[in-house]
C-alpha cells in the first residue's frame, strides 16, 4: 500500500493507542508489534471502525499482536532462529517482532554472557550457570521463585558489564550531541541496537519517522513523538 492510501485509511482512527504500529505494519516498516485492539487515547473511535481499517490495510490482530496477514508464527521463528548453546531466546522474539536481526541476535548473545557472568560471580541458591537452573513445577512456587531469581539478577547486573545498558547510554549521548538523529527514540524505547551506529537500526528509525509524518496529522504525530522522547510510550 502507498503511504497516501494508508493515510486515508487511518485518518478516522488516528486517535487510537499505538496507531503508529498499525502504520508501520501497513507500510512494511515493522511488520509485527505488540498491540491491544480498540484501546483509545481519548477520541471517539469505535471498535468497528478499527476493524474495518485493519481489514482494509491487510493486517491481522492475534494474541495481543498486530502483523501483516502472512507473518509466520513465533514457533516458526523459534525453530529457525534459536541460537544453540545460549540461555536467552530474546533474538527469537526480536526477529518475530521484526527488529533488525543483527540487533536481535546480539542482544541475546550478550544477554547470555551477562547472565552467566552474574551467576558465576554471584550464584543464586547454588545456581552458578543457567544450565543448573531448576524451576519449581508448582504454579505458585514457580511465580515466587521467578520473582526472587529476577530480583537477584537485577541486584547484581550493575556489578558486571551489561552490554545493553552500556550501549543505551552511548546512544543517548550521541543523540544529545546530534551524531544520531532524534527519531532513534522510536526504537530505543524498547530495543537496543547491536552497535550504537548500526545502520539498519538508524534506517528503521528514520522510516518510522517518515511513515508517521506522512500518515498522521501534525498534531497526532507530535503527540506520539513526544511520548517516545519522554519514555511514556513504547513499542
C-alpha atoms as a PDB file:
ATOM      1  CA  UNK A   1       0.000   0.000   0.000  1.00  0.00           C
ATOM      2  CA  UNK A   2       1.211   3.519  -0.768  1.00  0.00           C
ATOM      3  CA  UNK A   3       1.673   5.939   2.154  1.00  0.00           C
ATOM      4  CA  UNK A   4      -1.081   8.196   0.798  1.00  0.00           C
ATOM      5  CA  UNK A   5      -3.522   5.272   0.797  1.00  0.00           C
ATOM      6  CA  UNK A   6      -2.548   4.329   4.345  1.00  0.00           C
ATOM      7  CA  UNK A   7      -3.062   7.932   5.458  1.00  0.00           C
ATOM      8  CA  UNK A   8      -6.589   7.898   4.039  1.00  0.00           C
ATOM      9  CA  UNK A   9      -7.467   4.649   5.819  1.00  0.00           C
ATOM     10  CA  UNK A  10      -6.002   5.552   9.227  1.00  0.00           C
ATOM     11  CA  UNK A  11      -7.269   9.132   9.325  1.00  0.00           C
ATOM     12  CA  UNK A  12     -10.590   8.193  11.014  1.00  0.00           C
ATOM     13  CA  UNK A  13      -8.822   6.082  13.667  1.00  0.00           C
ATOM     14  CA  UNK A  14      -5.622   8.029  14.270  1.00  0.00           C
ATOM     15  CA  UNK A  15      -6.615   8.707  17.892  1.00  0.00           C
ATOM     16  CA  UNK A  16      -6.295   5.037  18.960  1.00  0.00           C
ATOM     17  CA  UNK A  17      -3.378   3.995  21.127  1.00  0.00           C
ATOM     18  CA  UNK A  18      -0.472   2.526  19.172  1.00  0.00           C
ATOM     19  CA  UNK A  19      -1.722   3.779  15.835  1.00  0.00           C
ATOM     20  CA  UNK A  20       1.962   4.009  14.970  1.00  0.00           C
ATOM     21  CA  UNK A  21       2.397   0.219  14.899  1.00  0.00           C
ATOM     22  CA  UNK A  22      -0.632  -0.065  12.610  1.00  0.00           C
ATOM     23  CA  UNK A  23       1.094   2.308  10.190  1.00  0.00           C
ATOM     24  CA  UNK A  24       4.457   0.528  10.471  1.00  0.00           C
ATOM     25  CA  UNK A  25       2.848  -2.822   9.632  1.00  0.00           C
ATOM     26  CA  UNK A  26       0.778  -1.420   6.763  1.00  0.00           C
ATOM     27  CA  UNK A  27       3.878   0.090   5.158  1.00  0.00           C
ATOM     28  CA  UNK A  28       6.158  -2.889   5.875  1.00  0.00           C
ATOM     29  CA  UNK A  29       8.499  -0.963   8.151  1.00  0.00           C
ATOM     30  CA  UNK A  30       7.884  -3.169  11.195  1.00  0.00           C
ATOM     31  CA  UNK A  31       5.587  -5.988  10.222  1.00  0.00           C
ATOM     32  CA  UNK A  32       4.756  -7.284  13.694  1.00  0.00           C
ATOM     33  CA  UNK A  33       4.285  -5.428  17.005  1.00  0.00           C
ATOM     34  CA  UNK A  34       2.558  -5.667  20.359  1.00  0.00           C
ATOM     35  CA  UNK A  35      -0.953  -4.262  20.074  1.00  0.00           C
ATOM     36  CA  UNK A  36      -4.207  -4.181  22.027  1.00  0.00           C
ATOM     37  CA  UNK A  37      -7.124  -3.565  19.701  1.00  0.00           C
ATOM     38  CA  UNK A  38      -9.814  -0.980  20.461  1.00  0.00           C
ATOM     39  CA  UNK A  39      -7.861   0.841  23.161  1.00  0.00           C
ATOM     40  CA  UNK A  40      -8.426   4.555  22.655  1.00  0.00           C
ATOM     41  CA  UNK A  41      -6.319   7.577  23.523  1.00  0.00           C
ATOM     42  CA  UNK A  42      -9.255   9.816  24.315  1.00  0.00           C
ATOM     43  CA  UNK A  43     -11.108  10.019  20.996  1.00  0.00           C
ATOM     44  CA  UNK A  44     -14.412   8.587  19.905  1.00  0.00           C
ATOM     45  CA  UNK A  45     -13.143   5.898  17.559  1.00  0.00           C
ATOM     46  CA  UNK A  46     -15.347   2.794  17.592  1.00  0.00           C
ATOM     47  CA  UNK A  47     -14.144  -0.771  17.553  1.00  0.00           C
ATOM     48  CA  UNK A  48     -15.919  -1.377  14.265  1.00  0.00           C
ATOM     49  CA  UNK A  49     -14.057   1.491  12.616  1.00  0.00           C
ATOM     50  CA  UNK A  50     -10.770  -0.030  13.772  1.00  0.00           C
ATOM     51  CA  UNK A  51     -11.733  -3.469  12.462  1.00  0.00           C
ATOM     52  CA  UNK A  52     -12.660  -2.065   9.050  1.00  0.00           C
ATOM     53  CA  UNK A  53      -9.398  -0.107   8.826  1.00  0.00           C
ATOM     54  CA  UNK A  54      -7.248  -3.111   9.776  1.00  0.00           C
ATOM     55  CA  UNK A  55      -9.012  -5.313   7.243  1.00  0.00           C
ATOM     56  CA  UNK A  56      -8.542  -2.697   4.532  1.00  0.00           C
ATOM     57  CA  UNK A  57      -4.845  -2.446   5.392  1.00  0.00           C
ATOM     58  CA  UNK A  58      -4.419  -6.214   5.178  1.00  0.00           C
ATOM     59  CA  UNK A  59      -3.457  -6.623   8.834  1.00  0.00           C
ATOM     60  CA  UNK A  60      -4.390  -9.191  11.473  1.00  0.00           C
ATOM     61  CA  UNK A  61      -4.577  -8.967  15.267  1.00  0.00           C
ATOM     62  CA  UNK A  62      -3.922 -12.132  17.224  1.00  0.00           C
ATOM     63  CA  UNK A  63      -2.590 -12.858  20.726  1.00  0.00           C
ATOM     64  CA  UNK A  64      -2.148  -9.154  21.523  1.00  0.00           C
ATOM     65  CA  UNK A  65      -0.050  -8.558  18.407  1.00  0.00           C
ATOM     66  CA  UNK A  66      -0.650  -6.905  15.079  1.00  0.00           C
ATOM     67  CA  UNK A  67       1.049  -8.083  11.916  1.00  0.00           C
ATOM     68  CA  UNK A  68       0.752  -8.436   8.193  1.00  0.00           C
ATOM     69  CA  UNK A  69      -1.535 -11.342   7.320  1.00  0.00           C
ATOM     70  CA  UNK A  70       1.155 -13.777   6.176  1.00  0.00           C
ATOM     71  CA  UNK A  71       3.525 -13.192   9.106  1.00  0.00           C
ATOM     72  CA  UNK A  72       4.943 -16.501  10.444  1.00  0.00           C
ATOM     73  CA  UNK A  73       4.170 -17.675  13.980  1.00  0.00           C
ATOM     74  CA  UNK A  74       6.558 -17.284  16.902  1.00  0.00           C
ATOM     75  CA  UNK A  75       7.095 -21.046  16.799  1.00  0.00           C
ATOM     76  CA  UNK A  76       8.274 -20.767  13.183  1.00  0.00           C
ATOM     77  CA  UNK A  77      10.865 -18.184  14.212  1.00  0.00           C
ATOM     78  CA  UNK A  78      11.873 -20.309  17.201  1.00  0.00           C
ATOM     79  CA  UNK A  79      12.567 -23.350  15.023  1.00  0.00           C
ATOM     80  CA  UNK A  80      14.571 -21.327  12.541  1.00  0.00           C
ATOM     81  CA  UNK A  81      16.490 -18.807  14.649  1.00  0.00           C
ATOM     82  CA  UNK A  82      17.154 -20.282  18.117  1.00  0.00           C
ATOM     83  CA  UNK A  83      20.865 -19.950  18.884  1.00  0.00           C
ATOM     84  CA  UNK A  84      22.383 -23.205  20.192  1.00  0.00           C
ATOM     85  CA  UNK A  85      24.269 -23.050  23.471  1.00  0.00           C
ATOM     86  CA  UNK A  86      22.813 -19.854  24.921  1.00  0.00           C
ATOM     87  CA  UNK A  87      20.202 -19.441  27.642  1.00  0.00           C
ATOM     88  CA  UNK A  88      18.400 -16.497  26.075  1.00  0.00           C
ATOM     89  CA  UNK A  89      15.723 -16.505  23.373  1.00  0.00           C
ATOM     90  CA  UNK A  90      15.471 -12.717  23.036  1.00  0.00           C
ATOM     91  CA  UNK A  91      16.683 -12.937  19.449  1.00  0.00           C
ATOM     92  CA  UNK A  92      13.702 -15.100  18.509  1.00  0.00           C
ATOM     93  CA  UNK A  93      11.241 -12.598  19.952  1.00  0.00           C
ATOM     94  CA  UNK A  94      13.182  -9.706  18.433  1.00  0.00           C
ATOM     95  CA  UNK A  95      13.093 -11.254  14.970  1.00  0.00           C
ATOM     96  CA  UNK A  96       9.424 -12.167  15.429  1.00  0.00           C
ATOM     97  CA  UNK A  97       8.711  -8.508  16.279  1.00  0.00           C
ATOM     98  CA  UNK A  98      10.663  -7.530  13.169  1.00  0.00           C
ATOM     99  CA  UNK A  99      13.578  -5.548  14.539  1.00  0.00           C
ATOM    100  CA  UNK A 100      16.912  -5.774  12.672  1.00  0.00           C
ATOM    101  CA  UNK A 101      18.216  -9.319  13.015  1.00  0.00           C
ATOM    102  CA  UNK A 102      21.737  -8.126  13.855  1.00  0.00           C
ATOM    103  CA  UNK A 103      20.353  -6.255  16.870  1.00  0.00           C
ATOM    104  CA  UNK A 104      18.103  -9.115  17.988  1.00  0.00           C
ATOM    105  CA  UNK A 105      20.887 -11.686  17.798  1.00  0.00           C
ATOM    106  CA  UNK A 106      23.487  -9.604  19.591  1.00  0.00           C
ATOM    107  CA  UNK A 107      21.056  -8.728  22.384  1.00  0.00           C
ATOM    108  CA  UNK A 108      20.509 -12.436  23.073  1.00  0.00           C
ATOM    109  CA  UNK A 109      24.192 -13.364  22.855  1.00  0.00           C
ATOM    110  CA  UNK A 110      25.345 -10.505  25.070  1.00  0.00           C
ATOM    111  CA  UNK A 111      22.466 -11.111  27.478  1.00  0.00           C
ATOM    112  CA  UNK A 112      23.586 -14.719  27.810  1.00  0.00           C
ATOM    113  CA  UNK A 113      27.129 -13.571  28.624  1.00  0.00           C
ATOM    114  CA  UNK A 114      25.875 -11.130  31.248  1.00  0.00           C
ATOM    115  CA  UNK A 115      23.599 -13.721  32.875  1.00  0.00           C
ATOM    116  CA  UNK A 116      26.421 -16.249  33.017  1.00  0.00           C
ATOM    117  CA  UNK A 117      28.811 -13.678  34.483  1.00  0.00           C
ATOM    118  CA  UNK A 118      26.318 -12.756  37.208  1.00  0.00           C
ATOM    119  CA  UNK A 119      25.671 -16.385  38.170  1.00  0.00           C
ATOM    120  CA  UNK A 120      29.358 -17.263  38.095  1.00  0.00           C
ATOM    121  CA  UNK A 121      30.275 -14.376  40.411  1.00  0.00           C
ATOM    122  CA  UNK A 122      27.070 -14.260  42.449  1.00  0.00           C
ATOM    123  CA  UNK A 123      25.409 -17.702  42.488  1.00  0.00           C
ATOM    124  CA  UNK A 124      21.716 -17.890  43.305  1.00  0.00           C
ATOM    125  CA  UNK A 125      20.887 -20.627  45.795  1.00  0.00           C
ATOM    126  CA  UNK A 126      23.769 -22.714  44.496  1.00  0.00           C
ATOM    127  CA  UNK A 127      22.960 -21.996  40.836  1.00  0.00           C
ATOM    128  CA  UNK A 128      26.112 -20.799  39.068  1.00  0.00           C
ATOM    129  CA  UNK A 129      25.219 -21.475  35.422  1.00  0.00           C
ATOM    130  CA  UNK A 130      21.924 -21.237  33.514  1.00  0.00           C
ATOM    131  CA  UNK A 131      22.124 -24.963  32.832  1.00  0.00           C
ATOM    132  CA  UNK A 132      21.763 -25.763  36.574  1.00  0.00           C
ATOM    133  CA  UNK A 133      18.528 -23.787  36.971  1.00  0.00           C
ATOM    134  CA  UNK A 134      15.627 -25.883  38.213  1.00  0.00           C
ATOM    135  CA  UNK A 135      12.268 -24.102  38.227  1.00  0.00           C
ATOM    136  CA  UNK A 136       9.597 -25.415  40.640  1.00  0.00           C
ATOM    137  CA  UNK A 137       6.676 -27.166  38.953  1.00  0.00           C
ATOM    138  CA  UNK A 138       4.017 -25.768  41.280  1.00  0.00           C
ATOM    139  CA  UNK A 139       2.472 -22.636  39.751  1.00  0.00           C
ATOM    140  CA  UNK A 140       2.601 -20.528  42.919  1.00  0.00           C
ATOM    141  CA  UNK A 141       6.110 -21.652  43.810  1.00  0.00           C
ATOM    142  CA  UNK A 142       7.238 -21.046  40.222  1.00  0.00           C
ATOM    143  CA  UNK A 143       5.999 -17.433  40.352  1.00  0.00           C
ATOM    144  CA  UNK A 144       7.658 -16.773  43.709  1.00  0.00           C
ATOM    145  CA  UNK A 145      10.889 -18.395  42.515  1.00  0.00           C
ATOM    146  CA  UNK A 146      10.916 -16.377  39.311  1.00  0.00           C
ATOM    147  CA  UNK A 147      10.331 -13.102  41.168  1.00  0.00           C
ATOM    148  CA  UNK A 148      13.137 -13.847  43.613  1.00  0.00           C
ATOM    149  CA  UNK A 149      15.512 -15.015  40.884  1.00  0.00           C
ATOM    150  CA  UNK A 150      14.771 -11.928  38.764  1.00  0.00           C
ATOM    151  CA  UNK A 151      15.419  -9.669  41.761  1.00  0.00           C
ATOM    152  CA  UNK A 152      18.760 -11.422  42.296  1.00  0.00           C
ATOM    153  CA  UNK A 153      19.785 -10.886  38.676  1.00  0.00           C
ATOM    154  CA  UNK A 154      18.731  -7.216  38.746  1.00  0.00           C
ATOM    155  CA  UNK A 155      20.632  -6.648  42.010  1.00  0.00           C
ATOM    156  CA  UNK A 156      23.947  -7.798  40.566  1.00  0.00           C
ATOM    157  CA  UNK A 157      23.534  -6.633  36.970  1.00  0.00           C
ATOM    158  CA  UNK A 158      25.332  -3.379  37.725  1.00  0.00           C
ATOM    159  CA  UNK A 159      28.277  -5.383  39.122  1.00  0.00           C
ATOM    160  CA  UNK A 160      29.160  -6.853  35.726  1.00  0.00           C
ATOM    161  CA  UNK A 161      29.467  -5.470  32.209  1.00  0.00           C
ATOM    162  CA  UNK A 162      25.989  -5.029  30.758  1.00  0.00           C
ATOM    163  CA  UNK A 163      26.154  -4.505  27.008  1.00  0.00           C
ATOM    164  CA  UNK A 164      22.546  -3.337  26.722  1.00  0.00           C
ATOM    165  CA  UNK A 165      22.867  -0.628  29.373  1.00  0.00           C
ATOM    166  CA  UNK A 166      26.267   0.481  28.092  1.00  0.00           C
ATOM    167  CA  UNK A 167      25.002   0.722  24.510  1.00  0.00           C
ATOM    168  CA  UNK A 168      21.869   2.610  25.544  1.00  0.00           C
ATOM    169  CA  UNK A 169      23.969   5.209  27.401  1.00  0.00           C
ATOM    170  CA  UNK A 170      26.236   5.609  24.354  1.00  0.00           C
ATOM    171  CA  UNK A 171      23.259   6.041  22.016  1.00  0.00           C
ATOM    172  CA  UNK A 172      21.676   8.675  24.237  1.00  0.00           C
ATOM    173  CA  UNK A 173      24.955  10.585  24.424  1.00  0.00           C
ATOM    174  CA  UNK A 174      25.263  10.522  20.635  1.00  0.00           C
ATOM    175  CA  UNK A 175      21.679  11.757  20.320  1.00  0.00           C
ATOM    176  CA  UNK A 176      22.410  14.661  22.650  1.00  0.00           C
ATOM    177  CA  UNK A 177      25.461  15.583  20.562  1.00  0.00           C
ATOM    178  CA  UNK A 178      23.464  15.390  17.335  1.00  0.00           C
ATOM    179  CA  UNK A 179      25.527  12.491  15.963  1.00  0.00           C
ATOM    180  CA  UNK A 180      22.399  10.334  15.944  1.00  0.00           C
ATOM    181  CA  UNK A 181      19.005  11.677  14.817  1.00  0.00           C
ATOM    182  CA  UNK A 182      16.263  12.276  17.402  1.00  0.00           C
ATOM    183  CA  UNK A 183      13.926   9.740  15.785  1.00  0.00           C
ATOM    184  CA  UNK A 184      16.072   6.989  17.311  1.00  0.00           C
ATOM    185  CA  UNK A 185      13.682   7.386  20.251  1.00  0.00           C
ATOM    186  CA  UNK A 186      11.053   5.450  18.271  1.00  0.00           C
ATOM    187  CA  UNK A 187      13.179   2.298  18.678  1.00  0.00           C
ATOM    188  CA  UNK A 188      15.358   2.922  21.721  1.00  0.00           C
ATOM    189  CA  UNK A 189      12.274   2.892  23.957  1.00  0.00           C
ATOM    190  CA  UNK A 190      12.122  -0.893  23.558  1.00  0.00           C
ATOM    191  CA  UNK A 191      15.119  -2.197  21.597  1.00  0.00           C
ATOM    192  CA  UNK A 192      18.892  -1.908  21.841  1.00  0.00           C
ATOM    193  CA  UNK A 193      20.984  -1.670  18.649  1.00  0.00           C
ATOM    194  CA  UNK A 194      23.806  -4.134  18.084  1.00  0.00           C
ATOM    195  CA  UNK A 195      26.167  -1.158  17.972  1.00  0.00           C
ATOM    196  CA  UNK A 196      25.477   2.498  18.698  1.00  0.00           C
ATOM    197  CA  UNK A 197      25.833   3.331  14.994  1.00  0.00           C
ATOM    198  CA  UNK A 198      24.046   0.312  13.493  1.00  0.00           C
ATOM    199  CA  UNK A 199      22.964   1.418  10.008  1.00  0.00           C
ATOM    200  CA  UNK A 200      19.938  -0.891   9.849  1.00  0.00           C
ATOM    201  CA  UNK A 201      18.677   0.341  13.211  1.00  0.00           C
ATOM    202  CA  UNK A 202      19.115   4.005  12.249  1.00  0.00           C
ATOM    203  CA  UNK A 203      17.447   3.422   8.868  1.00  0.00           C
ATOM    204  CA  UNK A 204      14.471   1.745  10.540  1.00  0.00           C
ATOM    205  CA  UNK A 205      14.011   4.652  12.971  1.00  0.00           C
ATOM    206  CA  UNK A 206      14.178   7.064  10.031  1.00  0.00           C
ATOM    207  CA  UNK A 207      11.493   5.098   8.146  1.00  0.00           C
ATOM    208  CA  UNK A 208       9.312   5.112  11.252  1.00  0.00           C
ATOM    209  CA  UNK A 209       9.531   8.882  11.484  1.00  0.00           C
ATOM    210  CA  UNK A 210       8.736   9.313   7.797  1.00  0.00           C
ATOM    211  CA  UNK A 211       5.821   6.854   7.983  1.00  0.00           C
ATOM    212  CA  UNK A 212       4.205   8.766  10.834  1.00  0.00           C
ATOM    213  CA  UNK A 213       4.888  12.184   9.315  1.00  0.00           C
ATOM    214  CA  UNK A 214       3.136  11.183   6.106  1.00  0.00           C
ATOM    215  CA  UNK A 215       0.234   9.202   7.575  1.00  0.00           C
ATOM    216  CA  UNK A 216      -0.768  11.257  10.629  1.00  0.00           C
ATOM    217  CA  UNK A 217      -1.929  14.780  11.257  1.00  0.00           C
ATOM    218  CA  UNK A 218       0.809  17.107  12.524  1.00  0.00           C
ATOM    219  CA  UNK A 219      -0.819  17.240  15.958  1.00  0.00           C
ATOM    220  CA  UNK A 220      -1.082  13.471  16.353  1.00  0.00           C
ATOM    221  CA  UNK A 221       2.459  12.970  15.106  1.00  0.00           C
ATOM    222  CA  UNK A 222       3.769  15.443  17.672  1.00  0.00           C
ATOM    223  CA  UNK A 223       1.867  13.713  20.481  1.00  0.00           C
ATOM    224  CA  UNK A 224       3.393  10.360  19.592  1.00  0.00           C
ATOM    225  CA  UNK A 225       6.881  11.729  19.012  1.00  0.00           C
ATOM    226  CA  UNK A 226       6.913  13.482  22.374  1.00  0.00           C
ATOM    227  CA  UNK A 227       5.629  10.325  24.060  1.00  0.00           C
ATOM    228  CA  UNK A 228       8.562   8.323  22.748  1.00  0.00           C
ATOM    229  CA  UNK A 229      11.023  11.092  23.566  1.00  0.00           C
ATOM    230  CA  UNK A 230       9.829  11.237  27.175  1.00  0.00           C
ATOM    231  CA  UNK A 231       9.641   7.468  27.509  1.00  0.00           C
ATOM    232  CA  UNK A 232       5.910   7.365  28.213  1.00  0.00           C
ATOM    233  CA  UNK A 233       5.292   5.343  25.017  1.00  0.00           C
ATOM    234  CA  UNK A 234       6.942   2.122  23.908  1.00  0.00           C
ATOM    235  CA  UNK A 235       6.665  -0.362  21.074  1.00  0.00           C
END
